[in-house]
Amino acid sequence: MDIVKFEDAPFYNPPNHEGVISRRLQGDAVSSADFAWVGHSDFPAGVVVPMEAGTFSKIYVVTTGSLTIEQTDGTRHLLGQWDSIFIPAGEARSVINESGVPAAIIVVTPPPAT
């Protein structure tokens, strides 16, 4: 069993996430979880993660505030507290905090293939 206290969770910098503050909660070097990596990301008001396609699937769970997820065709999904979204590998998306207040998400991804 591996316990990671939030205040001890290491920060990490996802590519192209300027202004986003992220911590690794499980997996990677912080625990022996081998089936998923779990992170927490704070999105200050006004932060925009540009449109990009990830190389792996991910799940976002909004824990505070609200975020807009935009697809390449312009479709926008407003997610509020406890809403979640599954984004398949290769599907592009942008993450936007246009709410005027901070928002936060839990991110769940598979570990990288070894």
Protein backbone atom coordinates (compact mmCIF):
# COMPACT_ATOMS: atom_id res chain seq x y z
CA MET A 1 0.00 0.00 0.00
CA ASP A 2 1.37 3.43 -0.97
CA ILE A 3 0.01 6.60 0.62
CA VAL A 4 0.82 9.96 -0.92
CA LYS A 5 -0.17 13.00 1.12
CA PHE A 6 -1.27 15.87 -1.13
CA GLU A 7 1.26 18.26 0.41
CA ASP A 8 4.02 15.74 -0.42
CA ALA A 9 2.88 15.03 -4.00
CA PRO A 10 5.59 16.19 -6.41
CA PHE A 11 4.88 18.85 -9.00
CA TYR A 12 5.23 18.01 -12.68
CA ASN A 13 4.94 20.01 -15.90
CA PRO A 14 2.73 18.53 -18.62
CA PRO A 15 3.82 19.78 -22.07
CA ASN A 16 1.94 22.85 -23.39
CA HIS A 17 0.16 23.47 -20.06
CA GLU A 18 1.44 27.00 -19.38
CA GLY A 19 0.02 28.33 -16.10
CA VAL A 20 -1.36 24.95 -14.98
CA ILE A 21 -0.05 23.65 -11.64
CA SER A 22 0.10 19.85 -11.61
CA ARG A 23 0.98 17.27 -8.96
CA ARG A 24 1.48 13.51 -9.30
CA LEU A 25 -0.77 11.75 -6.77
CA GLN A 26 -0.19 8.10 -7.71
CA GLY A 27 1.97 6.11 -10.13
CA ASP A 28 5.18 7.18 -11.80
CA ALA A 29 7.91 7.61 -9.17
CA VAL A 30 5.53 8.38 -6.26
CA SER A 31 3.91 4.96 -5.81
CA SER A 32 3.96 1.42 -7.10
CA ALA A 33 0.59 1.80 -8.89
CA ASP A 34 1.24 0.06 -12.19
CA PHE A 35 -2.13 0.33 -13.96
CA ALA A 36 -2.68 4.12 -13.88
CA TRP A 37 -1.06 7.44 -13.14
CA VAL A 38 -3.20 9.93 -11.22
CA GLY A 39 -2.55 13.64 -11.14
CA HIS A 40 -4.18 16.81 -9.84
CA SER A 41 -4.10 20.01 -11.90
CA ASP A 42 -5.06 23.55 -10.89
CA PHE A 43 -6.27 25.82 -13.70
CA PRO A 44 -6.17 29.50 -12.72
CA ALA A 45 -8.84 31.73 -14.27
CA GLY A 46 -8.09 32.45 -17.93
CA VAL A 47 -5.73 29.53 -18.53
CA VAL A 48 -5.96 27.90 -21.95
CA VAL A 49 -4.30 24.59 -22.82
CA PRO A 50 -3.94 24.68 -26.62
CA MET A 51 -5.54 22.17 -28.96
CA GLU A 52 -3.49 18.98 -29.11
CA ALA A 53 -3.96 15.24 -29.46
CA GLY A 54 -2.57 13.07 -26.69
CA THR A 55 -0.70 9.85 -27.33
CA PHE A 56 -2.69 8.06 -24.62
CA SER A 57 -6.27 8.07 -23.31
CA LYS A 58 -7.14 10.14 -20.27
CA ILE A 59 -9.98 10.83 -17.88
CA TYR A 60 -10.59 14.25 -16.32
CA VAL A 61 -12.76 14.71 -13.23
CA VAL A 62 -13.50 18.34 -12.34
CA THR A 63 -13.19 18.75 -8.57
CA THR A 64 -13.70 22.51 -8.28
CA GLY A 65 -14.91 25.23 -10.60
CA SER A 66 -15.71 24.59 -14.25
CA LEU A 67 -13.72 24.00 -17.42
CA THR A 68 -14.56 24.00 -21.11
CA ILE A 69 -13.24 21.15 -23.23
CA GLU A 70 -13.18 22.07 -26.93
CA GLN A 71 -12.88 19.54 -29.76
CA THR A 72 -11.26 20.19 -33.16
CA ASP A 73 -14.66 20.64 -34.82
CA GLY A 74 -15.48 23.50 -32.41
CA THR A 75 -17.82 21.46 -30.20
CA ARG A 76 -17.51 22.72 -26.61
CA HIS A 77 -18.38 20.85 -23.42
CA LEU A 78 -18.78 22.78 -20.16
CA LEU A 79 -17.84 20.56 -17.21
CA GLY A 80 -18.72 21.54 -13.64
CA GLN A 81 -17.82 20.08 -10.29
CA TRP A 82 -17.74 16.24 -10.34
CA ASP A 83 -18.40 16.08 -14.09
CA SER A 84 -15.96 13.86 -15.96
CA ILE A 85 -14.82 13.21 -19.51
CA PHE A 86 -12.97 10.35 -21.22
CA ILE A 87 -10.69 11.45 -24.05
CA PRO A 88 -9.44 8.62 -26.30
CA ALA A 89 -5.81 8.51 -27.42
CA GLY A 90 -5.24 10.61 -30.53
CA GLU A 91 -8.34 12.78 -30.05
CA ALA A 92 -7.42 16.47 -29.94
CA ARG A 93 -8.86 18.78 -27.32
CA SER A 94 -8.27 22.16 -25.74
CA VAL A 95 -8.92 22.86 -22.05
CA ILE A 96 -10.11 26.38 -21.20
CA ASN A 97 -10.91 28.04 -17.89
CA GLU A 98 -13.11 30.93 -18.93
CA SER A 99 -15.12 30.95 -15.69
CA GLY A 100 -13.24 33.79 -13.99
CA VAL A 101 -12.43 31.61 -10.95
CA PRO A 102 -9.87 28.83 -10.40
CA ALA A 103 -10.75 25.25 -11.34
CA ALA A 104 -9.12 21.89 -10.61
CA ILE A 105 -9.21 18.39 -12.05
CA ILE A 106 -8.07 14.89 -11.25
CA VAL A 107 -6.34 13.32 -14.28
CA VAL A 108 -6.15 9.55 -14.76
CA THR A 109 -3.93 8.08 -17.50
CA PRO A 110 -2.35 4.73 -18.22
CA PRO A 111 1.37 4.60 -17.49
CA PRO A 112 3.60 4.91 -20.56
CA ALA A 113 4.33 1.66 -22.35
CA THR A 114 7.68 0.26 -21.33
